[in-house]
N, C-alpha and C. Protein backbone atom coordinates (compact mmCIF):
# COMPACT_ATOMS: atom_id res chain seq x y z
N UNK A 1 -10.89 23.92 23.10
CA UNK A 1 -10.16 22.68 23.26
C UNK A 1 -8.66 23.00 23.14
N UNK A 2 -7.87 22.40 23.97
CA UNK A 2 -6.44 22.68 23.95
C UNK A 2 -5.74 21.91 22.83
N UNK A 3 -4.45 22.15 22.66
CA UNK A 3 -3.69 21.51 21.58
C UNK A 3 -3.71 19.99 21.68
N UNK A 4 -3.56 19.47 22.89
CA UNK A 4 -3.53 18.02 23.05
C UNK A 4 -4.88 17.40 22.69
N UNK A 5 -5.96 18.08 23.00
CA UNK A 5 -7.29 17.59 22.64
C UNK A 5 -7.48 17.50 21.14
N UNK A 6 -7.03 18.54 20.43
CA UNK A 6 -7.14 18.53 18.97
C UNK A 6 -6.24 17.46 18.36
N UNK A 7 -5.04 17.31 18.91
CA UNK A 7 -4.12 16.29 18.40
C UNK A 7 -4.73 14.90 18.58
N UNK A 8 -5.30 14.65 19.73
CA UNK A 8 -5.93 13.36 20.00
C UNK A 8 -7.10 13.13 19.05
N UNK A 9 -7.93 14.15 18.87
CA UNK A 9 -9.08 14.04 17.98
C UNK A 9 -8.65 13.68 16.56
N UNK A 10 -7.67 14.39 16.03
CA UNK A 10 -7.23 14.12 14.66
C UNK A 10 -6.51 12.78 14.53
N UNK A 11 -5.79 12.37 15.56
CA UNK A 11 -5.12 11.06 15.51
C UNK A 11 -6.14 9.93 15.50
N UNK A 12 -7.14 10.02 16.35
CA UNK A 12 -8.20 9.00 16.37
C UNK A 12 -8.97 9.02 15.06
N UNK A 13 -9.24 10.19 14.54
CA UNK A 13 -9.96 10.31 13.27
C UNK A 13 -9.17 9.66 12.14
N UNK A 14 -7.87 9.84 12.11
CA UNK A 14 -7.03 9.21 11.08
C UNK A 14 -7.06 7.70 11.20
N UNK A 15 -6.97 7.18 12.42
CA UNK A 15 -7.02 5.74 12.62
C UNK A 15 -8.36 5.14 12.19
N UNK A 16 -9.45 5.81 12.55
CA UNK A 16 -10.77 5.33 12.16
C UNK A 16 -10.96 5.41 10.65
N UNK A 17 -10.43 6.44 10.03
CA UNK A 17 -10.54 6.57 8.57
C UNK A 17 -9.80 5.44 7.86
N UNK A 18 -8.63 5.08 8.35
CA UNK A 18 -7.88 3.98 7.75
C UNK A 18 -8.66 2.67 7.89
N UNK A 19 -9.23 2.43 9.05
CA UNK A 19 -10.01 1.21 9.24
C UNK A 19 -11.26 1.23 8.35
N UNK A 20 -11.93 2.36 8.28
CA UNK A 20 -13.14 2.46 7.45
C UNK A 20 -12.83 2.19 5.99
N UNK A 21 -11.84 2.90 5.45
CA UNK A 21 -11.52 2.73 4.03
C UNK A 21 -10.86 1.39 3.76
N UNK A 22 -10.26 0.78 4.76
CA UNK A 22 -9.68 -0.54 4.59
C UNK A 22 -10.70 -1.65 4.57
N UNK A 23 -11.87 -1.42 5.15
CA UNK A 23 -12.89 -2.47 5.19
C UNK A 23 -13.98 -2.27 4.14
N UNK A 24 -14.12 -1.10 3.57
CA UNK A 24 -15.13 -0.88 2.53
C UNK A 24 -14.56 -1.25 1.17
N UNK A 25 -15.42 -1.54 0.26
CA UNK A 25 -15.01 -1.85 -1.10
C UNK A 25 -14.59 -3.29 -1.30
N UNK A 26 -14.88 -4.15 -0.37
CA UNK A 26 -14.54 -5.57 -0.55
C UNK A 26 -15.63 -6.26 -1.36
N UNK A 27 -15.27 -7.37 -1.92
CA UNK A 27 -16.24 -8.17 -2.65
C UNK A 27 -17.27 -8.74 -1.67
N UNK A 28 -18.50 -8.98 -2.12
CA UNK A 28 -19.53 -9.49 -1.21
C UNK A 28 -19.17 -10.84 -0.57
N UNK A 29 -18.40 -11.67 -1.24
CA UNK A 29 -18.06 -12.97 -0.69
C UNK A 29 -16.86 -12.97 0.24
N UNK A 30 -16.14 -11.88 0.32
CA UNK A 30 -14.93 -11.82 1.15
C UNK A 30 -15.28 -11.70 2.62
N UNK A 31 -14.33 -12.12 3.45
CA UNK A 31 -14.48 -12.01 4.89
C UNK A 31 -14.51 -10.54 5.28
N UNK A 32 -15.42 -10.15 6.16
CA UNK A 32 -15.58 -8.75 6.52
C UNK A 32 -14.83 -8.32 7.75
N UNK A 33 -13.95 -9.15 8.28
CA UNK A 33 -13.23 -8.81 9.49
C UNK A 33 -12.11 -7.82 9.27
N UNK A 34 -11.59 -7.33 10.37
CA UNK A 34 -10.47 -6.40 10.33
C UNK A 34 -9.20 -7.21 10.55
N UNK A 35 -8.26 -7.11 9.63
CA UNK A 35 -7.02 -7.87 9.74
C UNK A 35 -6.05 -7.18 10.69
N UNK A 36 -5.07 -7.94 11.13
CA UNK A 36 -4.05 -7.38 12.01
C UNK A 36 -3.22 -6.32 11.31
N UNK A 37 -2.97 -6.52 10.03
CA UNK A 37 -2.21 -5.53 9.26
C UNK A 37 -2.93 -4.20 9.17
N UNK A 38 -4.26 -4.26 9.06
CA UNK A 38 -5.04 -3.03 8.99
C UNK A 38 -4.99 -2.29 10.31
N UNK A 39 -4.99 -3.01 11.41
CA UNK A 39 -4.88 -2.38 12.74
C UNK A 39 -3.52 -1.69 12.88
N UNK A 40 -2.48 -2.37 12.44
CA UNK A 40 -1.13 -1.79 12.51
C UNK A 40 -1.05 -0.54 11.65
N UNK A 41 -1.62 -0.59 10.45
CA UNK A 41 -1.63 0.56 9.56
C UNK A 41 -2.40 1.73 10.18
N UNK A 42 -3.51 1.46 10.84
CA UNK A 42 -4.29 2.51 11.50
C UNK A 42 -3.50 3.13 12.64
N UNK A 43 -2.79 2.30 13.42
CA UNK A 43 -1.97 2.82 14.51
C UNK A 43 -0.82 3.67 13.98
N UNK A 44 -0.23 3.25 12.88
CA UNK A 44 0.85 4.04 12.28
C UNK A 44 0.33 5.37 11.76
N UNK A 45 -0.84 5.37 11.16
CA UNK A 45 -1.44 6.62 10.67
C UNK A 45 -1.74 7.56 11.83
N UNK A 46 -2.27 7.02 12.92
CA UNK A 46 -2.58 7.84 14.09
C UNK A 46 -1.30 8.41 14.70
N UNK A 47 -0.25 7.60 14.77
CA UNK A 47 1.03 8.08 15.31
C UNK A 47 1.63 9.16 14.42
N UNK A 48 1.50 9.00 13.12
CA UNK A 48 2.03 10.01 12.19
C UNK A 48 1.29 11.33 12.35
N UNK A 49 -0.03 11.27 12.46
CA UNK A 49 -0.81 12.51 12.66
C UNK A 49 -0.46 13.14 14.00
N UNK A 50 -0.30 12.34 15.03
CA UNK A 50 0.08 12.85 16.35
C UNK A 50 1.43 13.58 16.27
N UNK A 51 2.37 12.99 15.53
CA UNK A 51 3.69 13.57 15.40
C UNK A 51 3.65 14.86 14.57
N UNK A 52 2.91 14.86 13.47
CA UNK A 52 2.90 16.01 12.58
C UNK A 52 2.12 17.20 13.13
N UNK A 53 1.23 16.97 14.09
CA UNK A 53 0.44 18.08 14.63
C UNK A 53 0.96 18.59 15.96
N UNK A 54 2.17 18.25 16.32
CA UNK A 54 2.72 18.75 17.59
C UNK A 54 2.97 20.25 17.48
N UNK A 55 2.83 20.94 18.58
CA UNK A 55 3.06 22.39 18.57
C UNK A 55 4.54 22.73 18.29
N UNK A 56 4.74 23.88 17.75
CA UNK A 56 6.11 24.33 17.46
C UNK A 56 6.88 24.56 18.76
N UNK A 57 8.16 24.33 18.72
CA UNK A 57 9.01 24.57 19.90
C UNK A 57 9.12 26.08 20.13
N UNK A 58 9.14 26.46 21.40
CA UNK A 58 9.21 27.89 21.72
C UNK A 58 10.62 28.32 21.96
């Protein structure tokens, strides 16, 4: 897999992890939906991973 493939994989994995950990651990009576803030946080995490895993300049 090339560099871009790995970067995409890790960025998506980071976003899914944020959503997963953001929705687990709620009280049984709480609403189980995904909030807009959680989506924004997942997108920011994915963008951060995408930025931090870029190849070094040649």
